[in-house]
Amino acid sequence: MLKRIATAVVLIPIVLVLILRAPVPVLAIVAGIVALLTTHEFLKLTEAYGVQPLAWPTYLFTGLLFLILAVSTGGETPLLSTGKFLVAMGFTAAIAPFVFLTRAMRDEPLRAGYPAAAASVFAFTYIALPMAMLVQLRQQWAGAFYLLYLLLVVWAGDIFAYFVGKSIGRHLMGPRISPKKTWEGAAASVIASVAVGWLLFHYALPLSSALLRAGLIARQDGLFGLEQPAMAPVIVLTIVLNVAAQLGDLVESLIKRGAGVKDSGALLPGHGGMLDRIDALLFAAPVLWYYAAWRVMQ
């Protein structure tokens, strides 16, 4: 427990400064590093399923995506608009099977080619694309505020699910997949996320103003509207994000349970691996990105 708390105390301020203040190219590079570390852990898990993944082609394909993001976001005005980003993500997702299957043709035995390519395609769409969405979300109007909202909502839900489930949880959600997760913890997670989301948007103007005065955000990265945001859509969005985050956690538990391991790695003391820490974000990030993209296109 002490290791878990100490790691969180060190990492949380670093993550918050990165999403609020770091230039977008720097954020793209950091997100790429996180994606590569997470992909490495995931591909190691697939070996427990009897699959020999195409490790280096997957790393190169993922790294190239984030290199393009970093270069494309180098100016003051984002060069990668939401529409162009959507086209780019669709294109990379579409060609990934062709890239990895073509590479798998070189390996023996041939029956190992398809599982190896499938693992690489899944790693790319499961990990790299959601992380890329976080980078592009940062470029959108009020992007830093929305990233802050996403992280705090996910973290609050995770913390309350853990402590409430541990203390009063009695009804198991899916004992075959995650024997410690309970419905009581899940309910507490939703309530905590909604409370945090409501507070953030209710006090969006003073919070954005405080962050601006502290030099942590630029004006385009906060919410400065004088009118109070409608709370009903915020609550609905927060509930959807929380459910997506909890599903992301359960899906990673399914992958680990099938591989016969407790943690995806040992990179973060007290927390396991990188995949253990961002599993909820991998499902929640696309939800918020699509909401933000829809908002921009209205």
Protein backbone atom coordinates (compact mmCIF):
# COMPACT_ATOMS: atom_id res chain seq x y z
CA MET A 1 0.00 0.00 0.00
CA LEU A 2 2.82 2.43 0.90
CA LYS A 3 4.54 1.78 -2.44
CA ARG A 4 1.24 2.36 -4.23
CA ILE A 5 0.70 5.71 -2.50
CA ALA A 6 4.33 6.83 -2.95
CA THR A 7 4.25 6.06 -6.69
CA ALA A 8 0.98 7.97 -7.08
CA VAL A 9 2.33 10.98 -5.15
CA VAL A 10 5.32 11.16 -7.51
CA LEU A 11 3.54 10.46 -10.79
CA ILE A 12 0.29 12.44 -10.45
CA PRO A 13 1.90 15.93 -10.38
CA ILE A 14 4.11 15.00 -13.34
CA VAL A 15 1.13 13.78 -15.36
CA LEU A 16 -0.93 16.87 -14.51
CA VAL A 17 1.84 19.27 -15.54
CA LEU A 18 2.29 17.34 -18.79
CA ILE A 19 -1.36 17.48 -19.82
CA LEU A 20 -1.83 21.11 -18.75
CA ARG A 21 1.38 22.85 -19.69
CA ALA A 22 3.58 20.73 -21.96
CA PRO A 23 3.65 21.69 -25.65
CA VAL A 24 1.60 19.28 -27.76
CA PRO A 25 4.69 17.80 -29.52
CA VAL A 26 6.18 16.96 -26.11
CA LEU A 27 2.88 15.42 -25.03
CA ALA A 28 2.85 13.37 -28.25
CA ILE A 29 6.35 12.06 -27.55
CA VAL A 30 5.51 11.15 -23.94
CA ALA A 31 2.25 9.50 -25.04
CA GLY A 32 4.23 7.54 -27.64
CA ILE A 33 6.67 6.31 -25.00
CA VAL A 34 3.79 5.24 -22.76
CA ALA A 35 2.13 3.50 -25.72
CA LEU A 36 5.35 1.63 -26.56
CA LEU A 37 5.89 0.51 -22.96
CA THR A 38 2.28 -0.63 -22.72
CA THR A 39 2.48 -2.40 -26.07
CA HIS A 40 5.59 -4.24 -24.89
CA GLU A 41 3.73 -5.47 -21.80
CA PHE A 42 0.72 -6.52 -23.87
CA LEU A 43 2.81 -8.45 -26.38
CA LYS A 44 4.54 -10.28 -23.54
CA LEU A 45 1.09 -11.27 -22.24
CA THR A 46 0.16 -12.69 -25.65
CA GLU A 47 3.10 -15.09 -25.44
CA ALA A 48 1.26 -16.84 -22.60
CA TYR A 49 -1.47 -17.63 -25.16
CA GLY A 50 1.04 -19.46 -27.34
CA VAL A 51 1.46 -16.55 -29.76
CA GLN A 52 4.85 -15.25 -30.87
CA PRO A 53 4.02 -11.60 -31.66
CA LEU A 54 5.68 -9.41 -34.26
CA ALA A 55 7.30 -7.23 -31.63
CA TRP A 56 9.60 -4.91 -33.57
CA PRO A 57 7.20 -4.25 -36.47
CA THR A 58 4.56 -3.33 -33.88
CA TYR A 59 6.93 -0.97 -32.07
CA LEU A 60 7.98 0.68 -35.34
CA PHE A 61 4.41 1.10 -36.58
CA THR A 62 3.31 2.57 -33.23
CA GLY A 63 6.36 4.81 -32.93
CA LEU A 64 5.83 6.15 -36.44
CA LEU A 65 2.27 7.16 -35.57
CA PHE A 66 3.37 9.27 -32.61
CA LEU A 67 6.31 10.71 -34.51
CA ILE A 68 3.86 11.95 -37.15
CA LEU A 69 1.66 13.39 -34.38
CA ALA A 70 4.61 15.20 -32.81
CA VAL A 71 5.72 16.68 -36.15
CA SER A 72 2.18 17.59 -37.24
CA THR A 73 1.49 19.52 -34.02
CA GLY A 74 4.66 21.58 -34.01
CA GLY A 75 3.14 24.96 -34.81
CA GLU A 76 1.06 27.38 -32.81
CA THR A 77 -1.98 26.51 -34.93
CA PRO A 78 -2.72 22.77 -34.91
CA LEU A 79 -1.97 21.31 -38.31
CA LEU A 80 -3.81 18.11 -37.51
CA SER A 81 -7.46 19.10 -37.31
CA THR A 82 -10.11 16.79 -35.91
CA GLY A 83 -11.27 15.84 -39.40
CA LYS A 84 -7.76 15.09 -40.66
CA PHE A 85 -6.98 13.20 -37.47
CA LEU A 86 -10.06 11.01 -37.96
CA VAL A 87 -9.02 10.22 -41.52
CA ALA A 88 -5.46 9.46 -40.39
CA MET A 89 -6.62 7.13 -37.61
CA GLY A 90 -9.02 5.34 -39.93
CA PHE A 91 -6.27 4.90 -42.52
CA THR A 92 -3.70 3.53 -40.06
CA ALA A 93 -6.26 1.15 -38.53
CA ALA A 94 -7.23 -0.06 -42.02
CA ILE A 95 -3.68 -0.72 -43.24
CA ALA A 96 -2.43 -2.28 -39.99
CA PRO A 97 -3.72 -5.79 -40.89
CA PHE A 98 -2.04 -5.60 -44.31
CA VAL A 99 1.26 -4.40 -42.82
CA PHE A 100 1.47 -7.10 -40.17
CA LEU A 101 0.11 -9.95 -42.30
CA THR A 102 2.62 -9.08 -45.03
CA ARG A 103 5.41 -9.17 -42.47
CA ALA A 104 4.11 -12.50 -41.07
CA MET A 105 4.55 -14.15 -44.47
CA ARG A 106 8.29 -14.39 -43.75
CA ASP A 107 7.92 -16.53 -40.62
CA GLU A 108 7.72 -20.27 -40.09
CA PRO A 109 5.52 -22.13 -39.48
CA LEU A 110 2.93 -20.41 -41.61
CA ARG A 111 0.12 -21.22 -39.18
CA ALA A 112 1.78 -18.86 -36.67
CA GLY A 113 1.54 -15.88 -39.04
CA TYR A 114 -2.11 -15.01 -38.56
CA PRO A 115 -2.13 -15.13 -34.70
CA ALA A 116 1.05 -13.04 -34.62
CA ALA A 117 -0.36 -10.42 -36.99
CA ALA A 118 -3.71 -10.40 -35.15
CA ALA A 119 -1.92 -9.71 -31.84
CA SER A 120 -0.07 -6.77 -33.40
CA VAL A 121 -3.21 -5.31 -34.96
CA PHE A 122 -5.06 -5.62 -31.66
CA ALA A 123 -2.18 -4.01 -29.76
CA PHE A 124 -2.20 -1.07 -32.16
CA THR A 125 -5.95 -0.46 -32.01
CA TYR A 126 -6.28 -1.25 -28.30
CA ILE A 127 -3.35 0.88 -27.09
CA ALA A 128 -1.87 3.21 -29.71
CA LEU A 129 -5.07 4.69 -31.15
CA PRO A 130 -6.62 5.68 -27.77
CA MET A 131 -3.32 7.24 -26.68
CA ALA A 132 -3.21 9.18 -29.96
CA MET A 133 -6.74 10.41 -29.27
CA LEU A 134 -5.53 11.88 -25.98
CA VAL A 135 -2.89 13.88 -27.87
CA GLN A 136 -5.37 15.25 -30.40
CA LEU A 137 -7.90 16.00 -27.66
CA ARG A 138 -5.29 18.29 -26.11
CA GLN A 139 -5.31 20.36 -29.32
CA GLN A 140 -9.03 20.97 -29.29
CA TRP A 141 -10.79 23.90 -27.67
CA ALA A 142 -10.48 23.61 -23.86
CA GLY A 143 -8.41 20.47 -24.45
CA ALA A 144 -6.33 20.75 -21.29
CA PHE A 145 -9.48 21.18 -19.18
CA TYR A 146 -11.11 18.14 -20.75
CA LEU A 147 -7.99 16.02 -20.25
CA LEU A 148 -7.92 17.12 -16.60
CA TYR A 149 -11.59 16.20 -16.33
CA LEU A 150 -10.97 12.78 -17.88
CA LEU A 151 -8.07 11.90 -15.58
CA LEU A 152 -9.74 13.09 -12.38
CA VAL A 153 -12.99 11.30 -13.21
CA VAL A 154 -11.15 8.03 -13.93
CA TRP A 155 -8.86 8.34 -10.90
CA ALA A 156 -11.71 9.17 -8.54
CA GLY A 157 -13.73 6.23 -9.79
CA ASP A 158 -10.77 3.88 -9.44
CA ILE A 159 -9.92 5.02 -5.90
CA PHE A 160 -13.47 4.79 -4.57
CA ALA A 161 -14.09 1.44 -6.26
CA TYR A 162 -10.98 0.06 -4.57
CA PHE A 163 -11.60 1.31 -1.03
CA VAL A 164 -15.38 0.88 -0.94
CA GLY A 165 -15.19 -2.55 -2.56
CA LYS A 166 -12.49 -3.60 -0.12
CA SER A 167 -14.35 -2.38 2.95
CA ILE A 168 -18.03 -3.14 2.31
CA GLY A 169 -18.12 -5.00 -1.01
CA ARG A 170 -20.10 -8.23 -0.82
CA HIS A 171 -21.55 -8.89 -4.28
CA LEU A 172 -18.92 -9.90 -6.84
CA MET A 173 -19.17 -8.53 -10.38
CA GLY A 174 -17.25 -11.20 -12.25
CA PRO A 175 -15.38 -13.60 -9.96
CA ARG A 176 -13.95 -15.56 -12.91
CA ILE A 177 -12.37 -12.43 -14.34
CA SER A 178 -11.65 -10.18 -11.37
CA PRO A 179 -12.41 -11.83 -8.01
CA LYS A 180 -12.04 -8.62 -5.96
CA LYS A 181 -14.33 -6.30 -7.93
CA THR A 182 -17.78 -5.83 -6.42
CA TRP A 183 -21.02 -4.15 -7.39
CA GLU A 184 -20.75 -1.96 -4.30
CA GLY A 185 -17.37 -0.75 -5.48
CA ALA A 186 -18.70 -0.17 -8.98
CA ALA A 187 -21.59 1.93 -7.63
CA ALA A 188 -19.22 3.96 -5.46
CA SER A 189 -17.02 4.48 -8.52
CA VAL A 190 -19.91 5.96 -10.51
CA ILE A 191 -20.96 8.24 -7.64
CA ALA A 192 -17.39 9.50 -7.09
CA SER A 193 -16.85 10.18 -10.79
CA VAL A 194 -20.13 12.07 -11.09
CA ALA A 195 -19.28 14.17 -8.03
CA VAL A 196 -15.85 15.07 -9.43
CA GLY A 197 -17.24 15.80 -12.90
CA TRP A 198 -20.00 18.01 -11.47
CA LEU A 199 -17.54 19.96 -9.30
CA LEU A 200 -15.12 20.50 -12.19
CA PHE A 201 -17.75 21.92 -14.53
CA HIS A 202 -19.63 23.82 -11.83
CA TYR A 203 -16.41 25.65 -10.95
CA ALA A 204 -14.97 25.57 -14.47
CA LEU A 205 -14.51 29.34 -14.75
CA PRO A 206 -12.69 29.94 -11.43
CA LEU A 207 -10.64 26.76 -11.91
CA SER A 208 -9.62 27.74 -15.44
CA SER A 209 -8.82 31.27 -14.27
CA ALA A 210 -6.65 29.93 -11.44
CA LEU A 211 -4.77 27.62 -13.79
CA LEU A 212 -4.28 30.50 -16.25
CA ARG A 213 -2.91 32.80 -13.54
CA ALA A 214 -0.56 30.03 -12.41
CA GLY A 215 0.75 29.71 -15.96
CA LEU A 216 -0.37 26.08 -16.22
CA ILE A 217 -2.68 26.56 -19.21
CA ALA A 218 -3.09 28.93 -22.13
CA ARG A 219 -6.41 30.70 -22.57
CA GLN A 220 -7.57 28.38 -25.36
CA ASP A 221 -7.05 25.38 -23.07
CA GLY A 222 -9.57 26.35 -20.36
CA LEU A 223 -13.30 26.97 -19.99
CA PHE A 224 -13.93 30.69 -19.63
CA GLY A 225 -17.60 30.95 -20.59
CA LEU A 226 -19.58 33.21 -18.28
CA GLU A 227 -22.67 31.02 -18.57
CA GLN A 228 -22.85 28.00 -16.28
CA PRO A 229 -22.49 24.76 -18.32
CA ALA A 230 -25.60 22.59 -18.37
CA MET A 231 -25.10 19.90 -15.74
CA ALA A 232 -27.36 17.17 -17.17
CA PRO A 233 -25.11 16.46 -20.22
CA VAL A 234 -22.04 16.58 -17.96
CA ILE A 235 -23.54 13.99 -15.61
CA VAL A 236 -24.53 11.69 -18.49
CA LEU A 237 -21.09 12.03 -20.09
CA THR A 238 -19.37 11.32 -16.76
CA ILE A 239 -21.45 8.18 -16.18
CA VAL A 240 -20.61 6.91 -19.67
CA LEU A 241 -16.91 7.64 -19.09
CA ASN A 242 -16.98 5.83 -15.76
CA VAL A 243 -18.68 2.76 -17.24
CA ALA A 244 -16.16 2.73 -20.10
CA ALA A 245 -13.29 3.01 -17.61
CA GLN A 246 -14.61 0.13 -15.49
CA LEU A 247 -15.06 -2.01 -18.61
CA GLY A 248 -11.49 -1.18 -19.62
CA ASP A 249 -10.29 -2.41 -16.23
CA LEU A 250 -12.30 -5.63 -16.55
CA VAL A 251 -11.07 -6.29 -20.09
CA GLU A 252 -7.45 -6.02 -18.96
CA SER A 253 -8.25 -8.37 -16.06
CA LEU A 254 -9.65 -10.84 -18.61
CA ILE A 255 -6.42 -10.67 -20.63
CA LYS A 256 -4.25 -11.14 -17.53
CA ARG A 257 -6.45 -13.93 -16.15
CA GLY A 258 -6.17 -15.80 -19.44
CA ALA A 259 -2.39 -15.31 -19.37
CA GLY A 260 -2.21 -16.53 -15.77
CA VAL A 261 -0.57 -13.41 -14.33
CA LYS A 262 -1.56 -10.91 -11.63
CA ASP A 263 0.04 -7.79 -13.15
CA SER A 264 0.99 -6.82 -16.68
CA GLY A 265 4.48 -5.87 -15.48
CA ALA A 266 6.50 -4.44 -12.60
CA LEU A 267 7.41 -1.02 -13.96
CA LEU A 268 5.46 0.99 -11.36
CA PRO A 269 6.03 -0.05 -7.72
CA GLY A 270 2.76 -0.95 -6.02
CA HIS A 271 0.79 -0.54 -9.26
CA GLY A 272 2.15 -3.28 -11.52
CA GLY A 273 2.81 -2.43 -15.13
CA MET A 274 1.94 0.48 -17.39
CA LEU A 275 -1.05 -1.40 -18.81
CA ASP A 276 -2.38 -1.85 -15.27
CA ARG A 277 -2.38 1.94 -14.86
CA ILE A 278 -3.88 3.05 -18.16
CA ASP A 279 -6.30 0.19 -18.87
CA ALA A 280 -9.30 2.34 -17.86
CA LEU A 281 -8.12 5.27 -20.00
CA LEU A 282 -7.85 3.07 -23.08
CA PHE A 283 -11.63 2.68 -23.09
CA ALA A 284 -12.58 6.07 -21.66
CA ALA A 285 -10.34 8.22 -23.91
CA PRO A 286 -12.15 7.36 -27.17
CA VAL A 287 -15.50 8.18 -25.54
CA LEU A 288 -14.37 11.68 -24.54
CA TRP A 289 -12.57 12.21 -27.85
CA TYR A 290 -15.73 11.44 -29.83
CA TYR A 291 -17.76 13.73 -27.58
CA ALA A 292 -15.24 16.55 -28.03
CA ALA A 293 -15.08 15.98 -31.79
CA TRP A 294 -18.88 16.05 -32.00
CA ARG A 295 -18.93 19.28 -29.98
CA VAL A 296 -16.42 20.94 -32.33
CA MET A 297 -18.34 19.88 -35.44
CA GLN A 298 -21.69 21.27 -34.23
